[in-house]
């Protein structure tokens, strides 16, 4: 029996909710076909486990029991399954399908902290030079939006011409999970302003998507296309060495976050820049766990200077006696 059929037989109402959720994510360009398939199968496992219980009646206790039933499965796998169900319910509440999220109050399994995948200054220069040589307008604007403004691939693909406010010098971003609506405004970097000028000077568009599908100019590009194009440039520039080496278009967003954090003492500025609801998510992008440690370690192991010897004050009782001379003789004074 297929996973789909087993899930439908076990919990048809929940499967209906899952299928609509996946369709919405795909329509918004947030899921590639592969991501949609993997997430859907992950949620179908939950549907099978919640056999006979409609989605609006599932409780926190049942989610806890489901998590416990996974036994010796790796925590990273448990965490992904939990996150998928949590995201499903957050979406369902926003859509008015259910009124509560049974994941609230259930602890997400602990997983190793995500690796910061930012690029070095040398790698950024090498990549920019390569893109400037191969695609000085379209490619450079994509690169500038990801490196200068920290946009995700999906956000780059969703940029509309009227999202750019040249007068205010900002771009209104249609962020992840906002159904194509604007979620934040980001100040334009000098590099992006110049890249926009050159791109729009040679690309005759009056509205709609900023980046068009290469084979159908009436349609916008896709997040997958943006990711593949940038990965191709990275490989050609010699900073990406294999399919699963951890270097991807998203590394530009990590780099933007790290550089902005180094330029400001306010972590919330970085949070707003990236469009994170949770400050903990922002911290995953930064090397904050070692920030300041070098200076602290240097101070810790600095040569120790011996404190000055304390000055011993002789109590009055032990002082040498003083003498005063009077005309009629000598009087001893203590």
Protein backbone atom coordinates (compact mmCIF):
# COMPACT_ATOMS: atom_id res chain seq x y z
CA UNK A 1 0.00 0.00 0.00
CA UNK A 2 1.35 3.45 -0.90
CA UNK A 3 1.99 6.10 1.74
CA UNK A 4 -0.73 8.28 0.22
CA UNK A 5 -3.38 5.58 0.31
CA UNK A 6 -2.44 4.45 3.80
CA UNK A 7 -2.60 8.03 5.06
CA UNK A 8 -5.97 8.66 3.40
CA UNK A 9 -7.47 5.52 4.87
CA UNK A 10 -6.09 6.38 8.31
CA UNK A 11 -7.09 10.05 8.43
CA UNK A 12 -8.75 11.54 5.35
CA UNK A 13 -9.54 14.98 6.91
CA UNK A 14 -5.93 15.48 7.98
CA UNK A 15 -4.63 14.39 4.57
CA UNK A 16 -6.96 16.91 2.91
CA UNK A 17 -5.45 19.66 5.06
CA UNK A 18 -1.91 18.46 4.30
CA UNK A 19 -2.52 18.38 0.53
CA UNK A 20 -3.86 21.93 0.49
CA UNK A 21 -0.92 23.14 2.59
CA UNK A 22 1.59 21.60 0.19
CA UNK A 23 -0.24 23.06 -2.82
CA UNK A 24 -0.09 26.55 -1.27
CA UNK A 25 3.65 26.30 -0.61
CA UNK A 26 4.31 25.16 -4.18
CA UNK A 27 2.10 27.92 -5.65
CA UNK A 28 4.04 30.55 -3.70
CA UNK A 29 7.33 29.15 -4.96
CA UNK A 30 8.46 28.24 -1.45
CA UNK A 31 8.72 24.52 -2.19
CA UNK A 32 10.47 22.87 -5.10
CA UNK A 33 8.78 19.67 -6.34
CA UNK A 34 11.32 17.62 -4.39
CA UNK A 35 10.82 19.58 -1.15
CA UNK A 36 7.05 19.30 -1.57
CA UNK A 37 7.27 15.53 -1.98
CA UNK A 38 9.55 15.04 1.04
CA UNK A 39 7.45 17.31 3.29
CA UNK A 40 4.19 15.71 2.17
CA UNK A 41 5.49 12.20 2.94
CA UNK A 42 6.71 13.40 6.33
CA UNK A 43 3.25 14.77 7.14
CA UNK A 44 1.55 11.62 5.86
CA UNK A 45 3.45 9.68 8.55
CA UNK A 46 1.85 11.98 11.10
CA UNK A 47 -1.58 11.36 9.55
CA UNK A 48 -1.09 7.61 9.85
CA UNK A 49 -0.05 7.99 13.51
CA UNK A 50 -3.13 10.14 14.24
CA UNK A 51 -5.39 7.39 12.93
CA UNK A 52 -9.06 8.32 13.19
CA UNK A 53 -8.50 11.66 14.99
CA UNK A 54 -9.55 14.69 12.93
CA UNK A 55 -6.98 17.53 12.79
CA UNK A 56 -9.08 19.91 14.91
CA UNK A 57 -9.23 17.36 17.77
CA UNK A 58 -5.55 16.39 17.93
CA UNK A 59 -4.09 17.29 21.34
CA UNK A 60 -0.69 18.17 22.76
CA UNK A 61 -0.63 14.82 24.56
CA UNK A 62 -1.11 12.97 21.27
CA UNK A 63 1.73 14.91 19.63
CA UNK A 64 3.97 14.07 22.61
CA UNK A 65 3.03 10.41 22.32
CA UNK A 66 3.78 10.49 18.60
CA UNK A 67 7.21 12.03 19.25
CA UNK A 68 7.97 9.42 21.91
CA UNK A 69 6.94 6.59 19.55
CA UNK A 70 9.83 7.44 17.19
CA UNK A 71 12.20 5.71 19.59
CA UNK A 72 15.84 5.65 18.50
CA UNK A 73 15.38 7.73 15.33
CA UNK A 74 17.96 10.52 15.14
CA UNK A 75 16.99 13.78 16.84
CA UNK A 76 17.53 15.69 13.60
CA UNK A 77 14.89 13.53 11.90
CA UNK A 78 12.50 13.92 14.83
CA UNK A 79 13.04 17.69 14.77
CA UNK A 80 12.24 17.89 11.04
CA UNK A 81 9.02 15.90 11.51
CA UNK A 82 8.00 18.08 14.44
CA UNK A 83 8.77 21.28 12.52
CA UNK A 84 6.74 20.11 9.52
CA UNK A 85 3.68 19.45 11.68
CA UNK A 86 4.12 22.71 13.57
CA UNK A 87 4.35 24.68 10.30
CA UNK A 88 1.29 22.85 8.97
CA UNK A 89 -0.77 23.93 11.99
CA UNK A 90 0.52 27.51 11.95
CA UNK A 91 -0.65 27.73 8.34
CA UNK A 92 -3.98 26.06 9.14
CA UNK A 93 -4.67 28.55 11.94
CA UNK A 94 -3.88 31.47 9.63
CA UNK A 95 -6.25 29.98 7.06
CA UNK A 96 -9.03 29.57 9.64
CA UNK A 97 -9.09 25.77 9.22
CA UNK A 98 -8.34 24.95 12.86
CA UNK A 99 -8.30 27.04 16.02
CA UNK A 100 -5.37 25.56 17.94
CA UNK A 101 -1.87 24.19 17.39
CA UNK A 102 -1.29 20.92 19.31
CA UNK A 103 2.49 21.38 18.96
CA UNK A 104 2.45 24.33 21.37
CA UNK A 105 3.99 23.17 24.62
CA UNK A 106 5.73 20.19 23.02
CA UNK A 107 9.52 20.55 23.09
CA UNK A 108 11.29 20.36 19.76
CA UNK A 109 14.07 17.72 19.93
CA UNK A 110 17.49 19.26 20.39
CA UNK A 111 19.76 19.15 17.37
CA UNK A 112 23.32 20.33 16.75
CA UNK A 113 23.49 24.02 16.00
CA UNK A 114 23.41 24.85 12.30
CA UNK A 115 26.67 25.72 10.61
CA UNK A 116 27.31 29.28 9.50
CA UNK A 117 27.99 29.01 5.76
CA UNK A 118 29.10 32.55 5.02
CA UNK A 119 31.68 33.25 2.33
CA UNK A 120 34.99 35.01 2.87
CA UNK A 121 35.68 38.47 1.46
CA UNK A 122 37.99 36.89 -1.13
CA UNK A 123 35.27 34.47 -2.25
CA UNK A 124 32.72 37.29 -2.56
CA UNK A 125 35.10 39.30 -4.76
CA UNK A 126 35.90 36.26 -6.91
CA UNK A 127 32.21 35.45 -7.37
CA UNK A 128 31.27 39.05 -8.16
CA UNK A 129 34.03 39.32 -10.76
CA UNK A 130 32.91 36.10 -12.44
CA UNK A 131 29.25 37.15 -12.56
CA UNK A 132 30.20 40.61 -13.82
CA UNK A 133 32.05 38.92 -16.68
CA UNK A 134 29.32 36.39 -17.55
CA UNK A 135 26.07 38.23 -16.75
CA UNK A 136 26.75 41.91 -15.95
CA UNK A 137 23.07 42.87 -15.71
CA UNK A 138 20.69 40.03 -14.78
CA UNK A 139 23.22 37.91 -12.89
CA UNK A 140 24.73 40.87 -11.07
CA UNK A 141 21.34 42.10 -9.91
CA UNK A 142 20.44 38.66 -8.55
CA UNK A 143 23.80 38.48 -6.79
CA UNK A 144 23.43 42.02 -5.40
CA UNK A 145 19.97 41.37 -3.96
CA UNK A 146 21.16 38.20 -2.21
CA UNK A 147 24.46 39.60 -0.94
CA UNK A 148 23.51 43.26 -0.47
CA UNK A 149 19.98 42.85 0.92
CA UNK A 150 20.18 39.26 2.22
CA UNK A 151 17.22 38.01 0.15
CA UNK A 152 16.38 34.32 -0.13
CA UNK A 153 16.08 32.68 -3.56
CA UNK A 154 12.28 32.68 -3.25
CA UNK A 155 12.26 36.36 -2.32
CA UNK A 156 14.41 37.25 -5.32
CA UNK A 157 12.03 35.33 -7.58
CA UNK A 158 9.00 37.14 -6.12
CA UNK A 159 10.31 40.72 -6.44
CA UNK A 160 7.89 42.91 -8.40
CA UNK A 161 9.04 46.07 -10.15
CA UNK A 162 6.82 48.21 -7.93
CA UNK A 163 8.38 46.66 -4.80
CA UNK A 164 11.39 48.90 -5.39
CA UNK A 165 11.07 52.41 -3.97
CA UNK A 166 13.85 54.43 -5.59
CA UNK A 167 12.83 57.61 -3.76
CA UNK A 168 13.10 56.06 -0.28
CA UNK A 169 15.96 53.77 -1.28
CA UNK A 170 14.26 50.57 -0.07
CA UNK A 171 12.95 47.31 -1.44
CA UNK A 172 9.73 45.85 -0.04
CA UNK A 173 10.33 42.12 0.32
CA UNK A 174 7.68 39.44 -0.21
CA UNK A 175 8.98 37.14 2.47
CA UNK A 176 8.77 33.48 3.29
CA UNK A 177 5.38 32.42 4.64
CA UNK A 178 3.56 35.65 3.75
CA UNK A 179 1.55 34.29 0.80
CA UNK A 180 3.28 36.61 -1.61
CA UNK A 181 2.54 39.70 0.50
CA UNK A 182 5.20 42.19 1.57
CA UNK A 183 6.75 41.23 4.90
CA UNK A 184 9.55 43.76 5.46
CA UNK A 185 11.43 46.65 3.91
CA UNK A 186 15.19 46.54 3.41
CA UNK A 187 17.47 49.49 2.68
CA UNK A 188 19.10 49.20 -0.74
CA UNK A 189 22.86 48.82 -0.80
CA UNK A 190 24.95 50.98 -3.18
CA UNK A 191 25.84 47.91 -5.25
CA UNK A 192 22.18 47.01 -5.74
CA UNK A 193 21.23 50.57 -6.68
CA UNK A 194 23.85 50.50 -9.45
CA UNK A 195 22.92 46.96 -10.54
CA UNK A 196 19.25 47.99 -10.76
CA UNK A 197 20.10 51.05 -12.85
CA UNK A 198 22.05 49.00 -15.38
CA UNK A 199 19.48 46.18 -15.46
CA UNK A 200 16.45 48.44 -15.95
CA UNK A 201 18.28 50.51 -18.55
CA UNK A 202 18.55 47.45 -20.81
CA UNK A 203 15.49 45.45 -19.70
CA UNK A 204 12.31 47.02 -20.98
CA UNK A 205 9.72 46.13 -18.34
CA UNK A 206 6.98 48.41 -17.07
CA UNK A 207 5.64 46.26 -14.25
CA UNK A 208 5.25 42.74 -12.92
CA UNK A 209 8.11 40.41 -11.95
CA UNK A 210 11.56 41.93 -11.92
CA UNK A 211 13.09 38.67 -13.18
CA UNK A 212 11.34 36.88 -16.03
CA UNK A 213 11.30 33.28 -17.12
CA UNK A 214 13.90 32.96 -19.87
CA UNK A 215 11.63 30.87 -22.08
CA UNK A 216 8.35 32.68 -21.31
CA UNK A 217 8.84 36.41 -20.72
CA UNK A 218 5.28 36.82 -19.47
CA UNK A 219 6.08 34.72 -16.40
CA UNK A 220 8.39 35.36 -13.48
CA UNK A 221 11.37 33.16 -12.69
CA UNK A 222 11.26 30.49 -9.96
CA UNK A 223 13.21 30.09 -6.68
CA UNK A 224 14.73 26.91 -8.05
CA UNK A 225 15.98 28.74 -11.12
CA UNK A 226 17.58 31.47 -8.99
CA UNK A 227 19.28 28.83 -6.83
CA UNK A 228 20.55 26.84 -9.82
CA UNK A 229 21.88 29.92 -11.61
CA UNK A 230 23.78 31.13 -8.54
CA UNK A 231 25.17 27.66 -7.81
CA UNK A 232 26.42 27.47 -11.39
CA UNK A 233 28.23 30.80 -10.99
CA UNK A 234 29.73 29.64 -7.68
CA UNK A 235 31.05 26.45 -9.26
CA UNK A 236 32.55 28.34 -12.21
CA UNK A 237 34.15 30.87 -9.83
CA UNK A 238 35.84 28.03 -7.94
CA UNK A 239 34.13 28.52 -4.58
CA UNK A 240 31.74 25.57 -4.88
CA UNK A 241 33.42 22.19 -5.29
CA UNK A 242 30.62 19.64 -5.18
CA UNK A 243 26.88 19.12 -5.11
CA UNK A 244 26.59 18.70 -1.35
CA UNK A 245 29.56 20.75 -0.14
CA UNK A 246 27.40 23.19 1.88
CA UNK A 247 28.04 26.12 -0.47
CA UNK A 248 24.87 27.38 -2.12
CA UNK A 249 23.08 30.57 -3.06
CA UNK A 250 21.88 30.79 0.55
CA UNK A 251 25.49 31.35 1.64
CA UNK A 252 25.13 34.91 0.34
CA UNK A 253 22.36 35.53 2.89
CA UNK A 254 24.58 34.14 5.66
CA UNK A 255 27.37 36.45 4.54
CA UNK A 256 25.09 39.48 4.49
CA UNK A 257 23.88 38.69 8.02
CA UNK A 258 27.38 38.24 9.41
CA UNK A 259 28.70 41.43 7.83
CA UNK A 260 25.72 43.46 9.03
CA UNK A 261 26.13 42.08 12.55
CA UNK A 262 29.77 43.18 12.52
CA UNK A 263 28.67 46.69 11.51
CA UNK A 264 26.07 47.16 14.26
CA UNK A 265 25.80 46.45 17.99
CA UNK A 266 22.04 45.90 17.70
CA UNK A 267 21.15 42.29 16.88
CA UNK A 268 17.54 43.37 16.29
CA UNK A 269 18.67 45.37 13.26
CA UNK A 270 19.94 42.10 11.80
CA UNK A 271 16.70 40.36 12.77
CA UNK A 272 14.61 42.97 10.91
CA UNK A 273 16.99 42.87 7.94
CA UNK A 274 16.57 39.10 7.60
CA UNK A 275 12.85 39.10 8.39
CA UNK A 276 13.07 36.64 11.27
CA UNK A 277 10.19 36.47 13.74
CA UNK A 278 12.37 34.77 16.34
CA UNK A 279 15.69 36.25 17.47
CA UNK A 280 17.03 32.72 18.03
CA UNK A 281 16.77 32.10 14.29
CA UNK A 282 18.91 35.17 13.63
CA UNK A 283 21.59 33.86 15.98
CA UNK A 284 21.95 30.73 13.83
CA UNK A 285 23.25 32.95 11.03
CA UNK A 286 25.93 34.58 13.15
CA UNK A 287 29.16 33.56 14.77
CA UNK A 288 27.98 35.23 17.96
CA UNK A 289 29.12 32.29 20.08
CA UNK A 290 32.76 33.31 19.50
CA UNK A 291 32.26 37.07 19.20
CA UNK A 292 34.33 38.79 21.85
CA UNK A 293 35.98 35.56 22.99
CA UNK A 294 39.32 36.42 21.36
CA UNK A 295 39.61 39.64 23.35
CA UNK A 296 38.47 37.90 26.51
CA UNK A 297 40.98 35.08 26.05
CA UNK A 298 43.76 37.60 25.38
CA UNK A 299 42.91 39.38 28.62
CA UNK A 300 42.65 36.09 30.48
CA UNK A 301 46.14 34.93 29.51
CA UNK A 302 47.84 38.34 29.59
CA UNK A 303 51.01 38.51 31.76
CA UNK A 304 49.92 38.94 35.31
CA UNK A 305 51.22 42.15 36.98
CA UNK A 306 51.99 41.65 40.64
CA UNK A 307 49.87 43.92 42.81
CA UNK A 308 51.81 46.57 44.76
CA UNK A 309 52.88 45.70 48.26
CA UNK A 310 50.40 47.12 50.74
CA UNK A 311 51.70 50.05 52.77
CA UNK A 312 51.86 49.03 56.39
CA UNK A 313 50.53 51.80 58.59
CA UNK A 314 52.18 51.64 62.04
CA UNK A 315 49.54 51.81 64.73
CA UNK A 316 49.79 54.76 67.08
CA UNK A 317 50.63 52.45 69.95
CA UNK A 318 53.89 51.31 68.30
CA UNK A 319 55.21 54.66 67.09
CA UNK A 320 58.47 56.06 68.39
CA UNK A 321 57.93 58.62 71.19
CA UNK A 322 58.33 62.28 70.33
CA UNK A 323 59.89 64.97 72.54
CA UNK A 324 59.07 68.61 73.12
CA UNK A 325 61.43 71.01 74.84
CA UNK A 326 60.13 73.44 77.43
CA UNK A 327 62.01 76.14 79.24
CA UNK A 328 61.79 74.42 82.60
CA UNK A 329 62.85 71.08 81.22
CA UNK A 330 61.94 68.24 78.84
CA UNK A 331 58.51 66.63 78.72
CA UNK A 332 57.97 63.25 77.15
CA UNK A 333 54.91 63.01 74.90
CA UNK A 334 53.58 59.72 73.69
